Amino acid sequence: MRPVVSSFATACLLGFVACAPAPGPSVLSYDEFKAQAFHDAETDTFVVNGDELIESEQAMRTAYDSYVDSAAETAEPGLGISQQGLIVNRVGSSDDK
Protein backbone atom coordinates (compact mmCIF):
# COMPACT_ATOMS: atom_id res chain seq x y z
CA MET A 1 0.00 0.00 0.00
CA ARG A 2 2.84 2.34 0.79
CA PRO A 3 4.26 2.34 -2.82
CA VAL A 4 0.82 3.25 -4.20
CA VAL A 5 0.47 6.21 -1.81
CA SER A 6 4.03 7.32 -2.55
CA SER A 7 3.43 7.09 -6.31
CA PHE A 8 0.18 9.04 -5.99
CA ALA A 9 1.86 11.75 -3.91
CA THR A 10 4.70 12.02 -6.43
CA ALA A 11 2.23 12.28 -9.33
CA CYS A 12 0.30 15.02 -7.54
CA LEU A 13 3.46 16.95 -6.76
CA LEU A 14 4.65 16.74 -10.36
CA GLY A 15 1.22 17.85 -11.54
CA PHE A 16 1.33 20.94 -9.34
CA VAL A 17 4.83 21.82 -10.47
CA ALA A 18 3.92 21.33 -14.14
CA CYS A 19 0.85 23.57 -13.80
CA ALA A 20 2.68 26.38 -12.06
CA PRO A 21 2.93 29.49 -14.22
CA ALA A 22 6.28 30.05 -15.86
CA PRO A 23 8.13 33.07 -14.56
CA GLY A 24 7.74 36.07 -16.84
CA PRO A 25 10.59 37.69 -18.64
CA SER A 26 12.78 39.67 -16.33
CA VAL A 27 13.62 43.31 -16.94
CA LEU A 28 17.17 43.92 -18.11
CA SER A 29 19.54 45.89 -15.93
CA TYR A 30 20.90 49.15 -17.36
CA ASP A 31 24.25 47.48 -18.10
CA GLU A 32 22.54 44.58 -19.91
CA PHE A 33 20.37 47.03 -21.88
CA LYS A 34 23.42 49.06 -22.87
CA ALA A 35 25.42 45.93 -23.77
CA GLN A 36 22.70 44.89 -26.23
CA ALA A 37 22.95 48.21 -28.09
CA PHE A 38 25.25 48.60 -31.07
CA HIS A 39 28.01 51.11 -30.26
CA ASP A 40 29.62 53.16 -33.05
CA ALA A 41 33.03 54.07 -31.67
CA GLU A 42 33.71 56.74 -34.30
CA THR A 43 30.68 58.85 -33.41
CA ASP A 44 30.26 57.52 -29.86
CA THR A 45 26.57 56.83 -30.53
CA PHE A 46 24.41 53.79 -29.88
CA VAL A 47 21.69 52.07 -31.88
CA VAL A 48 18.91 50.22 -30.05
CA ASN A 49 15.93 48.26 -31.37
CA GLY A 50 17.66 48.00 -34.74
CA ASP A 51 17.06 51.58 -35.84
CA GLU A 52 16.80 53.98 -32.92
CA LEU A 53 19.82 56.30 -32.62
CA ILE A 54 20.98 57.22 -29.11
CA GLU A 55 23.42 60.14 -29.16
CA SER A 56 24.51 60.40 -25.52
CA GLU A 57 24.75 58.57 -22.23
CA GLN A 58 21.88 60.68 -20.89
CA ALA A 59 19.71 59.72 -23.88
CA MET A 60 20.65 56.07 -23.28
CA ARG A 61 19.44 56.37 -19.68
CA THR A 62 16.20 57.97 -20.92
CA ALA A 63 15.69 55.12 -23.41
CA TYR A 64 16.32 52.59 -20.63
CA ASP A 65 13.82 54.33 -18.33
CA SER A 66 11.25 54.20 -21.14
CA TYR A 67 11.97 50.47 -21.56
CA VAL A 68 11.46 49.86 -17.83
CA ASP A 69 8.21 51.87 -17.85
CA SER A 70 6.85 49.88 -20.80
CA ALA A 71 7.76 46.62 -19.05
CA ALA A 72 5.96 47.78 -15.91
CA GLU A 73 2.81 48.62 -17.89
CA THR A 74 2.53 45.06 -19.19
CA ALA A 75 3.67 43.33 -15.99
CA GLU A 76 0.18 42.23 -14.95
CA PRO A 77 0.08 38.44 -15.34
CA GLY A 78 -1.79 37.22 -18.38
CA LEU A 79 -2.35 40.64 -19.91
CA GLY A 80 -0.46 42.47 -22.58
CA ILE A 81 -0.96 45.26 -25.07
CA SER A 82 -0.08 45.12 -28.73
CA GLN A 83 -0.95 47.64 -31.40
CA GLN A 84 -0.22 47.09 -35.08
CA GLY A 85 -1.56 48.61 -38.24
CA LEU A 86 -3.30 46.32 -40.69
CA ILE A 87 -2.12 45.80 -44.24
CA VAL A 88 -4.43 44.61 -46.98
CA ASN A 89 -2.73 43.51 -50.20
CA ARG A 90 -4.72 44.86 -53.14
CA VAL A 91 -4.61 43.57 -56.71
CA GLY A 92 -6.34 45.90 -59.10
CA SER A 93 -9.38 47.17 -57.25
CA SER A 94 -9.99 44.15 -55.01
CA ASP A 95 -8.40 42.54 -51.98
CA ASP A 96 -5.87 39.81 -52.71
CA LYS A 97 -6.62 36.41 -51.20
PDB file of N, CA and C in Angstrom:
ATOM      1  N   MET A   1       0.822  -1.194   0.000  1.00  0.00           N
ATOM      2  CA  MET A   1       0.000   0.000   0.000  1.00  0.00           C
ATOM      3  C   MET A   1       0.863   1.253   0.000  1.00  0.00           C
ATOM      4  N   ARG A   2       1.973   1.185   0.690  1.00  0.00           N
ATOM      5  CA  ARG A   2       2.840   2.341   0.787  1.00  0.00           C
ATOM      6  C   ARG A   2       3.369   2.792  -0.585  1.00  0.00           C
ATOM      7  N   PRO A   3       3.787   1.883  -1.502  1.00  0.00           N
ATOM      8  CA  PRO A   3       4.260   2.336  -2.817  1.00  0.00           C
ATOM      9  C   PRO A   3       3.164   3.038  -3.619  1.00  0.00           C
ATOM     10  N   VAL A   4       1.914   2.624  -3.466  1.00  0.00           N
ATOM     11  CA  VAL A   4       0.817   3.252  -4.197  1.00  0.00           C
ATOM     12  C   VAL A   4       0.618   4.686  -3.705  1.00  0.00           C
ATOM     13  N   VAL A   5       0.628   4.882  -2.381  1.00  0.00           N
ATOM     14  CA  VAL A   5       0.467   6.212  -1.807  1.00  0.00           C
ATOM     15  C   VAL A   5       1.635   7.095  -2.218  1.00  0.00           C
ATOM     16  N   SER A   6       2.847   6.563  -2.172  1.00  0.00           N
ATOM     17  CA  SER A   6       4.027   7.323  -2.553  1.00  0.00           C
ATOM     18  C   SER A   6       3.972   7.715  -4.027  1.00  0.00           C
ATOM     19  N   SER A   7       3.543   6.796  -4.884  1.00  0.00           N
ATOM     20  CA  SER A   7       3.425   7.091  -6.310  1.00  0.00           C
ATOM     21  C   SER A   7       2.365   8.154  -6.558  1.00  0.00           C
ATOM     22  N   PHE A   8       1.252   8.067  -5.846  1.00  0.00           N
ATOM     23  CA  PHE A   8       0.183   9.042  -5.993  1.00  0.00           C
ATOM     24  C   PHE A   8       0.657  10.427  -5.550  1.00  0.00           C
ATOM     25  N   ALA A   9       1.351  10.476  -4.416  1.00  0.00           N
ATOM     26  CA  ALA A   9       1.861  11.750  -3.913  1.00  0.00           C
ATOM     27  C   ALA A   9       2.862  12.355  -4.894  1.00  0.00           C
ATOM     28  N   THR A  10       3.723  11.534  -5.456  1.00  0.00           N
ATOM     29  CA  THR A  10       4.699  12.016  -6.433  1.00  0.00           C
ATOM     30  C   THR A  10       3.995  12.550  -7.676  1.00  0.00           C
ATOM     31  N   ALA A  11       2.980  11.842  -8.149  1.00  0.00           N
ATOM     32  CA  ALA A  11       2.232  12.276  -9.331  1.00  0.00           C
ATOM     33  C   ALA A  11       1.536  13.612  -9.073  1.00  0.00           C
ATOM     34  N   CYS A  12       0.955  13.759  -7.885  1.00  0.00           N
ATOM     35  CA  CYS A  12       0.304  15.024  -7.541  1.00  0.00           C
ATOM     36  C   CYS A  12       1.301  16.163  -7.475  1.00  0.00           C
ATOM     37  N   LEU A  13       2.428  15.924  -6.875  1.00  0.00           N
ATOM     38  CA  LEU A  13       3.455  16.952  -6.761  1.00  0.00           C
ATOM     39  C   LEU A  13       3.948  17.373  -8.134  1.00  0.00           C
ATOM     40  N   LEU A  14       4.206  16.416  -9.008  1.00  0.00           N
ATOM     41  CA  LEU A  14       4.647  16.740 -10.360  1.00  0.00           C
ATOM     42  C   LEU A  14       3.571  17.498 -11.120  1.00  0.00           C
ATOM     43  N   GLY A  15       2.322  17.147 -10.893  1.00  0.00           N
ATOM     44  CA  GLY A  15       1.217  17.853 -11.538  1.00  0.00           C
ATOM     45  C   GLY A  15       1.153  19.303 -11.100  1.00  0.00           C
ATOM     46  N   PHE A  16       1.343  19.566  -9.825  1.00  0.00           N
ATOM     47  CA  PHE A  16       1.327  20.941  -9.337  1.00  0.00           C
ATOM     48  C   PHE A  16       2.501  21.741  -9.882  1.00  0.00           C
ATOM     49  N   VAL A  17       3.651  21.128  -9.949  1.00  0.00           N
ATOM     50  CA  VAL A  17       4.831  21.816 -10.470  1.00  0.00           C
ATOM     51  C   VAL A  17       4.647  22.100 -11.950  1.00  0.00           C
ATOM     52  N   ALA A  18       4.105  21.147 -12.701  1.00  0.00           N
ATOM     53  CA  ALA A  18       3.919  21.328 -14.143  1.00  0.00           C
ATOM     54  C   ALA A  18       2.878  22.393 -14.438  1.00  0.00           C
ATOM     55  N   CYS A  19       1.909  22.592 -13.565  1.00  0.00           N
ATOM     56  CA  CYS A  19       0.853  23.569 -13.796  1.00  0.00           C
ATOM     57  C   CYS A  19       1.199  24.955 -13.272  1.00  0.00           C
ATOM     58  N   ALA A  20       2.285  25.080 -12.583  1.00  0.00           N
ATOM     59  CA  ALA A  20       2.678  26.385 -12.057  1.00  0.00           C
ATOM     60  C   ALA A  20       3.018  27.311 -13.219  1.00  0.00           C
ATOM     61  N   PRO A  21       2.642  28.572 -13.129  1.00  0.00           N
ATOM     62  CA  PRO A  21       2.932  29.492 -14.223  1.00  0.00           C
ATOM     63  C   PRO A  21       4.437  29.702 -14.366  1.00  0.00           C
ATOM     64  N   ALA A  22       4.864  29.806 -15.599  1.00  0.00           N
ATOM     65  CA  ALA A  22       6.283  30.055 -15.862  1.00  0.00           C
ATOM     66  C   ALA A  22       6.610  31.486 -15.460  1.00  0.00           C
ATOM     67  N   PRO A  23       7.770  31.700 -14.920  1.00  0.00           N
ATOM     68  CA  PRO A  23       8.126  33.066 -14.556  1.00  0.00           C
ATOM     69  C   PRO A  23       8.206  33.926 -15.808  1.00  0.00           C
ATOM     70  N   GLY A  24       7.731  35.147 -15.699  1.00  0.00           N
ATOM     71  CA  GLY A  24       7.739  36.070 -16.837  1.00  0.00           C
ATOM     72  C   GLY A  24       9.143  36.543 -17.152  1.00  0.00           C
ATOM     73  N   PRO A  25       9.267  37.191 -18.275  1.00  0.00           N
ATOM     74  CA  PRO A  25      10.588  37.689 -18.639  1.00  0.00           C
ATOM     75  C   PRO A  25      11.037  38.752 -17.647  1.00  0.00           C
ATOM     76  N   SER A  26      12.274  38.704 -17.281  1.00  0.00           N
ATOM     77  CA  SER A  26      12.780  39.673 -16.326  1.00  0.00           C
ATOM     78  C   SER A  26      13.215  40.933 -17.065  1.00  0.00           C
ATOM     79  N   VAL A  27      13.208  42.032 -16.367  1.00  0.00           N
ATOM     80  CA  VAL A  27      13.618  43.309 -16.937  1.00  0.00           C
ATOM     81  C   VAL A  27      15.138  43.369 -16.916  1.00  0.00           C
ATOM     82  N   LEU A  28      15.712  43.812 -18.016  1.00  0.00           N
ATOM     83  CA  LEU A  28      17.170  43.923 -18.111  1.00  0.00           C
ATOM     84  C   LEU A  28      17.684  45.007 -17.184  1.00  0.00           C
ATOM     85  N   SER A  29      18.880  44.821 -16.681  1.00  0.00           N
ATOM     86  CA  SER A  29      19.539  45.895 -15.934  1.00  0.00           C
ATOM     87  C   SER A  29      20.027  46.929 -16.944  1.00  0.00           C
ATOM     88  N   TYR A  30      20.406  48.098 -16.456  1.00  0.00           N
ATOM     89  CA  TYR A  30      20.904  49.147 -17.356  1.00  0.00           C
ATOM     90  C   TYR A  30      22.132  48.667 -18.121  1.00  0.00           C
ATOM     91  N   ASP A  31      23.034  47.980 -17.438  1.00  0.00           N
ATOM     92  CA  ASP A  31      24.250  47.485 -18.096  1.00  0.00           C
ATOM     93  C   ASP A  31      23.925  46.451 -19.171  1.00  0.00           C
ATOM     94  N   GLU A  32      22.953  45.567 -18.907  1.00  0.00           N
ATOM     95  CA  GLU A  32      22.535  44.579 -19.906  1.00  0.00           C
ATOM     96  C   GLU A  32      21.879  45.270 -21.102  1.00  0.00           C
ATOM     97  N   PHE A  33      21.041  46.265 -20.820  1.00  0.00           N
ATOM     98  CA  PHE A  33      20.372  47.026 -21.880  1.00  0.00           C
ATOM     99  C   PHE A  33      21.407  47.715 -22.767  1.00  0.00           C
ATOM    100  N   LYS A  34      22.381  48.350 -22.132  1.00  0.00           N
ATOM    101  CA  LYS A  34      23.422  49.065 -22.868  1.00  0.00           C
ATOM    102  C   LYS A  34      24.301  48.092 -23.658  1.00  0.00           C
ATOM    103  N   ALA A  35      24.580  46.920 -23.097  1.00  0.00           N
ATOM    104  CA  ALA A  35      25.422  45.927 -23.772  1.00  0.00           C
ATOM    105  C   ALA A  35      24.745  45.382 -25.027  1.00  0.00           C
ATOM    106  N   GLN A  36      23.412  45.381 -25.061  1.00  0.00           N
ATOM    107  CA  GLN A  36      22.700  44.892 -26.235  1.00  0.00           C
ATOM    108  C   GLN A  36      22.661  45.914 -27.368  1.00  0.00           C
ATOM    109  N   ALA A  37      22.963  47.162 -27.067  1.00  0.00           N
ATOM    110  CA  ALA A  37      22.945  48.210 -28.086  1.00  0.00           C
ATOM    111  C   ALA A  37      24.214  48.136 -28.929  1.00  0.00           C
ATOM    112  N   PHE A  38      24.082  48.493 -30.203  1.00  0.00           N
ATOM    113  CA  PHE A  38      25.254  48.596 -31.073  1.00  0.00           C
ATOM    114  C   PHE A  38      25.937  49.922 -30.778  1.00  0.00           C
ATOM    115  N   HIS A  39      27.252  49.896 -30.567  1.00  0.00           N
ATOM    116  CA  HIS A  39      28.009  51.111 -30.263  1.00  0.00           C
ATOM    117  C   HIS A  39      28.916  51.447 -31.437  1.00  0.00           C
ATOM    118  N   ASP A  40      28.745  52.658 -31.988  1.00  0.00           N
ATOM    119  CA  ASP A  40      29.618  53.155 -33.051  1.00  0.00           C
ATOM    120  C   ASP A  40      30.721  53.969 -32.382  1.00  0.00           C
ATOM    121  N   ALA A  41      31.921  53.427 -32.367  1.00  0.00           N
ATOM    122  CA  ALA A  41      33.032  54.065 -31.669  1.00  0.00           C
ATOM    123  C   ALA A  41      33.446  55.392 -32.308  1.00  0.00           C
ATOM    124  N   GLU A  42      33.303  55.509 -33.623  1.00  0.00           N
ATOM    125  CA  GLU A  42      33.707  56.744 -34.305  1.00  0.00           C
ATOM    126  C   GLU A  42      32.869  57.941 -33.876  1.00  0.00           C
ATOM    127  N   THR A  43      31.566  57.745 -33.777  1.00  0.00           N
ATOM    128  CA  THR A  43      30.676  58.855 -33.414  1.00  0.00           C
ATOM    129  C   THR A  43      30.239  58.797 -31.958  1.00  0.00           C
ATOM    130  N   ASP A  44      30.631  57.743 -31.250  1.00  0.00           N
ATOM    131  CA  ASP A  44      30.255  57.522 -29.856  1.00  0.00           C
ATOM    132  C   ASP A  44      28.735  57.575 -29.674  1.00  0.00           C
ATOM    133  N   THR A  45      28.014  56.933 -30.611  1.00  0.00           N
ATOM    134  CA  THR A  45      26.567  56.831 -30.526  1.00  0.00           C
ATOM    135  C   THR A  45      26.175  55.362 -30.401  1.00  0.00           C
ATOM    136  N   PHE A  46      24.941  55.135 -30.032  1.00  0.00           N
ATOM    137  CA  PHE A  46      24.411  53.785 -29.876  1.00  0.00           C
ATOM    138  C   PHE A  46      23.182  53.624 -30.766  1.00  0.00           C
ATOM    139  N   VAL A  47      22.912  52.396 -31.154  1.00  0.00           N
ATOM    140  CA  VAL A  47      21.689  52.069 -31.884  1.00  0.00           C
ATOM    141  C   VAL A  47      20.986  50.959 -31.106  1.00  0.00           C
ATOM    142  N   VAL A  48      19.724  51.206 -30.762  1.00  0.00           N
ATOM    143  CA  VAL A  48      18.915  50.216 -30.054  1.00  0.00           C
ATOM    144  C   VAL A  48      17.700  49.875 -30.901  1.00  0.00           C
ATOM    145  N   ASN A  49      17.120  48.721 -30.656  1.00  0.00           N
ATOM    146  CA  ASN A  49      15.931  48.258 -31.374  1.00  0.00           C
ATOM    147  C   ASN A  49      16.137  48.242 -32.885  1.00  0.00           C
ATOM    148  N   GLY A  50      17.373  48.130 -33.321  1.00  0.00           N
ATOM    149  CA  GLY A  50      17.662  47.998 -34.742  1.00  0.00           C
ATOM    150  C   GLY A  50      17.762  49.300 -35.503  1.00  0.00           C
ATOM    151  N   ASP A  51      17.056  50.352 -35.050  1.00  0.00           N
ATOM    152  CA  ASP A  51      17.062  51.580 -35.843  1.00  0.00           C
ATOM    153  C   ASP A  51      16.895  52.866 -35.036  1.00  0.00           C
ATOM    154  N   GLU A  52      16.970  52.789 -33.736  1.00  0.00           N
ATOM    155  CA  GLU A  52      16.804  53.985 -32.915  1.00  0.00           C
ATOM    156  C   GLU A  52      18.177  54.494 -32.479  1.00  0.00           C
ATOM    157  N   LEU A  53      18.516  55.710 -32.915  1.00  0.00           N
ATOM    158  CA  LEU A  53      19.818  56.297 -32.618  1.00  0.00           C
ATOM    159  C   LEU A  53      19.804  56.945 -31.238  1.00  0.00           C
ATOM    160  N   ILE A  54      20.791  56.628 -30.437  1.00  0.00           N
ATOM    161  CA  ILE A  54      20.979  57.219 -29.111  1.00  0.00           C
ATOM    162  C   ILE A  54      22.296  57.981 -29.165  1.00  0.00           C
ATOM    163  N   GLU A  55      22.242  59.294 -28.937  1.00  0.00           N
ATOM    164  CA  GLU A  55      23.416  60.137 -29.160  1.00  0.00           C
ATOM    165  C   GLU A  55      24.228  60.447 -27.911  1.00  0.00           C
ATOM    166  N   SER A  56      23.748  60.092 -26.727  1.00  0.00           N
ATOM    167  CA  SER A  56      24.510  60.403 -25.519  1.00  0.00           C
ATOM    168  C   SER A  56      24.180  59.400 -24.415  1.00  0.00           C
ATOM    169  N   GLU A  57      24.982  59.438 -23.387  1.00  0.00           N
ATOM    170  CA  GLU A  57      24.750  58.566 -22.229  1.00  0.00           C
ATOM    171  C   GLU A  57      23.433  58.932 -21.546  1.00  0.00           C
ATOM    172  N   GLN A  58      23.133  60.229 -21.491  1.00  0.00           N
ATOM    173  CA  GLN A  58      21.882  60.681 -20.885  1.00  0.00           C
ATOM    174  C   GLN A  58      20.682  60.185 -21.708  1.00  0.00           C
ATOM    175  N   ALA A  59      20.791  60.227 -23.029  1.00  0.00           N
ATOM    176  CA  ALA A  59      19.715  59.722 -23.881  1.00  0.00           C
ATOM    177  C   ALA A  59      19.570  58.203 -23.730  1.00  0.00           C
ATOM    178  N   MET A  60      20.705  57.512 -23.501  1.00  0.00           N
ATOM    179  CA  MET A  60      20.651  56.066 -23.276  1.00  0.00           C
ATOM    180  C   MET A  60      19.895  55.769 -21.990  1.00  0.00           C
ATOM    181  N   ARG A  61      20.137  56.553 -20.953  1.00  0.00           N
ATOM    182  CA  ARG A  61      19.438  56.374 -19.675  1.00  0.00           C
ATOM    183  C   ARG A  61      17.946  56.647 -19.860  1.00  0.00           C
ATOM    184  N   THR A  62      17.601  57.661 -20.650  1.00  0.00           N
ATOM    185  CA  THR A  62      16.198  57.974 -20.920  1.00  0.00           C
ATOM    186  C   THR A  62      15.528  56.829 -21.678  1.00  0.00           C
ATOM    187  N   ALA A  63      16.223  56.259 -22.659  1.00  0.00           N
ATOM    188  CA  ALA A  63      15.686  55.116 -23.414  1.00  0.00           C
ATOM    189  C   ALA A  63      15.494  53.920 -22.491  1.00  0.00           C
ATOM    190  N   TYR A  64      16.443  53.697 -21.580  1.00  0.00           N
ATOM    191  CA  TYR A  64      16.319  52.592 -20.630  1.00  0.00           C
ATOM    192  C   TYR A  64      15.125  52.805 -19.701  1.00  0.00           C
ATOM    193  N   ASP A  65      14.957  54.031 -19.205  1.00  0.00           N
ATOM    194  CA  ASP A  65      13.823  54.327 -18.326  1.00  0.00           C
ATOM    195  C   ASP A  65      12.498  54.093 -19.052  1.00  0.00           C
ATOM    196  N   SER A  66      12.446  54.447 -20.333  1.00  0.00           N
ATOM    197  CA  SER A  66      11.254  54.198 -21.138  1.00  0.00           C
ATOM    198  C   SER A  66      10.998  52.700 -21.279  1.00  0.00           C
ATOM    199  N   TYR A  67      12.071  51.934 -21.480  1.00  0.00           N
ATOM    200  CA  TYR A  67      11.975  50.471 -21.561  1.00  0.00           C
ATOM    201  C   TYR A  67      11.416  49.890 -20.259  1.00  0.00           C
ATOM    202  N   VAL A  68      11.921  50.350 -19.132  1.00  0.00           N
ATOM    203  CA  VAL A  68      11.461  49.856 -17.826  1.00  0.00           C
ATOM    204  C   VAL A  68       9.990  50.221 -17.618  1.00  0.00           C
ATOM    205  N   ASP A  69       9.606  51.447 -17.991  1.00  0.00           N
ATOM    206  CA  ASP A  69       8.209  51.870 -17.846  1.00  0.00           C
ATOM    207  C   ASP A  69       7.282  51.011 -18.699  1.00  0.00           C
ATOM    208  N   SER A  70       7.700  50.701 -19.925  1.00  0.00           N
ATOM    209  CA  SER A  70       6.853  49.883 -20.796  1.00  0.00           C
ATOM    210  C   SER A  70       6.740  48.456 -20.263  1.00  0.00           C
ATOM    211  N   ALA A  71       7.805  47.948 -19.654  1.00  0.00           N
ATOM    212  CA  ALA A  71       7.759  46.615 -19.053  1.00  0.00           C
ATOM    213  C   ALA A  71       6.822  46.604 -17.845  1.00  0.00           C
ATOM    214  N   ALA A  72       6.823  47.688 -17.085  1.00  0.00           N
ATOM    215  CA  ALA A  72       5.962  47.778 -15.908  1.00  0.00           C
ATOM    216  C   ALA A  72       4.488  47.859 -16.301  1.00  0.00           C
ATOM    217  N   GLU A  73       4.195  48.495 -17.440  1.00  0.00           N
ATOM    218  CA  GLU A  73       2.811  48.625 -17.890  1.00  0.00           C
ATOM    219  C   GLU A  73       2.207  47.270 -18.259  1.00  0.00           C
ATOM    220  N   THR A  74       3.030  46.370 -18.753  1.00  0.00           N
ATOM    221  CA  THR A  74       2.530  45.065 -19.187  1.00  0.00           C
ATOM    222  C   THR A  74       2.869  43.959 -18.201  1.00  0.00           C
ATOM    223  N   ALA A  75       3.224  44.320 -16.966  1.00  0.00           N
ATOM    224  CA  ALA A  75       3.667  43.331 -15.988  1.00  0.00           C
ATOM    225  C   ALA A  75       2.534  42.540 -15.359  1.00  0.00           C
ATOM    226  N   GLU A  76       1.298  42.958 -15.545  1.00  0.00           N
ATOM    227  CA  GLU A  76       0.179  42.226 -14.947  1.00  0.00           C
ATOM    228  C   GLU A  76       0.089  40.848 -15.593  1.00  0.00           C
ATOM    229  N   PRO A  77       0.079  39.794 -14.799  1.00  0.00           N
ATOM    230  CA  PRO A  77       0.083  38.438 -15.343  1.00  0.00           C
ATOM    231  C   PRO A  77      -1.087  38.183 -16.290  1.00  0.00           C
ATOM    232  N   GLY A  78      -0.767  37.617 -17.428  1.00  0.00           N
ATOM    233  CA  GLY A  78      -1.790  37.216 -18.383  1.00  0.00           C
ATOM    234  C   GLY A  78      -2.288  38.312 -19.294  1.00  0.00           C
ATOM    235  N   LEU A  79      -1.875  39.541 -19.081  1.00  0.00           N
ATOM    236  CA  LEU A  79      -2.354  40.638 -19.911  1.00  0.00           C
ATOM    237  C   LEU A  79      -1.197  41.301 -20.633  1.00  0.00           C
ATOM    238  N   GLY A  80      -1.456  41.751 -21.825  1.00  0.00           N
ATOM    239  CA  GLY A  80      -0.455  42.468 -22.584  1.00  0.00           C
ATOM    240  C   GLY A  80      -1.141  43.366 -23.586  1.00  0.00           C
ATOM    241  N   ILE A  81      -0.412  44.304 -24.103  1.00  0.00           N
ATOM    242  CA  ILE A  81      -0.957  45.257 -25.066  1.00  0.00           C
ATOM    243  C   ILE A  81      -0.104  45.191 -26.320  1.00  0.00           C
ATOM    244  N   SER A  82      -0.776  45.111 -27.451  1.00  0.00           N
ATOM    245  CA  SER A  82      -0.076  45.122 -28.726  1.00  0.00           C
ATOM    246  C   SER A  82      -0.899  45.922 -29.709  1.00  0.00           C
ATOM    247  N   GLN A  83      -0.265  46.845 -30.396  1.00  0.00           N
ATOM    248  CA  GLN A  83      -0.945  47.638 -31.404  1.00  0.00           C
ATOM    249  C   GLN A  83      -0.157  47.536 -32.696  1.00  0.00           C
ATOM    250  N   GLN A  84      -0.849  47.178 -33.772  1.00  0.00           N
ATOM    251  CA  GLN A  84      -0.221  47.090 -35.079  1.00  0.00           C
ATOM    252  C   GLN A  84      -1.215  47.545 -36.121  1.00  0.00           C
ATOM    253  N   GLY A  85      -0.716  48.235 -37.123  1.00  0.00           N
ATOM    254  CA  GLY A  85      -1.560  48.611 -38.239  1.00  0.00           C
ATOM    255  C   GLY A  85      -1.821  47.401 -39.116  1.00  0.00           C
ATOM    256  N   LEU A  86      -2.952  47.421 -39.804  1.00  0.00           N
ATOM    257  CA  LEU A  86      -3.295  46.323 -40.689  1.00  0.00           C
ATOM    258  C   LEU A  86      -2.891  46.659 -42.116  1.00  0.00           C
ATOM    259  N   ILE A  87      -2.477  45.642 -42.838  1.00  0.00           N
ATOM    260  CA  ILE A  87      -2.119  45.804 -44.237  1.00  0.00           C
ATOM    261  C   ILE A  87      -3.004  44.873 -45.048  1.00  0.00           C
ATOM    262  N   VAL A  88      -3.619  45.409 -46.085  1.00  0.00           N
ATOM    263  CA  VAL A  88      -4.425  44.608 -46.983  1.00  0.00           C
ATOM    264  C   VAL A  88      -3.768  44.692 -48.362  1.00  0.00           C
ATOM    265  N   ASN A  89      -3.341  43.550 -48.872  1.00  0.00           N
ATOM    266  CA  ASN A  89      -2.728  43.508 -50.195  1.00  0.00           C
ATOM    267  C   ASN A  89      -3.830  43.639 -51.234  1.00  0.00           C
ATOM    268  N   ARG A  90      -3.706  44.619 -52.125  1.00  0.00           N
ATOM    269  CA  ARG A  90      -4.717  44.858 -53.140  1.00  0.00           C
ATOM    270  C   ARG A  90      -4.146  44.526 -54.508  1.00  0.00           C
ATOM    271  N   VAL A  91      -4.940  43.864 -55.317  1.00  0.00           N
ATOM    272  CA  VAL A  91      -4.606  43.573 -56.707  1.00  0.00           C
ATOM    273  C   VAL A  91      -5.700  44.193 -57.554  1.00  0.00           C
ATOM    274  N   GLY A  92      -5.325  45.169 -58.348  1.00  0.00           N
ATOM    275  CA  GLY A  92      -6.335  45.895 -59.100  1.00  0.00           C
ATOM    276  C   GLY A  92      -7.188  46.688 -58.139  1.00  0.00           C
ATOM    277  N   SER A  93      -8.484  46.449 -58.151  1.00  0.00           N
ATOM    278  CA  SER A  93      -9.376  47.167 -57.252  1.00  0.00           C
ATOM    279  C   SER A  93     -10.010  46.256 -56.204  1.00  0.00           C
ATOM    280  N   SER A  94      -9.425  45.070 -56.002  1.00  0.00           N
ATOM    281  CA  SER A  94      -9.994  44.154 -55.005  1.00  0.00           C
ATOM    282  C   SER A  94      -8.902  43.613 -54.084  1.00  0.00           C
ATOM    283  N   ASP A  95      -9.336  43.116 -52.942  1.00  0.00           N
ATOM    284  CA  ASP A  95      -8.398  42.539 -51.976  1.00  0.00           C
ATOM    285  C   ASP A  95      -7.828  41.243 -52.514  1.00  0.00           C
ATOM    286  N   ASP A  96      -6.520  41.056 -52.315  1.00  0.00           N
ATOM    287  CA  ASP A  96      -5.868  39.815 -52.709  1.00  0.00           C
ATOM    288  C   ASP A  96      -6.183  38.745 -51.681  1.00  0.00           C
ATOM    289  N   LYS A  97      -6.291  37.500 -52.131  1.00  0.00           N
ATOM    290  CA  LYS A  97      -6.621  36.410 -51.195  1.00  0.00           C
ATOM    291  C   LYS A  97      -5.431  35.619 -50.841  1.00  0.00           C
TER     292      LYS A  97
END
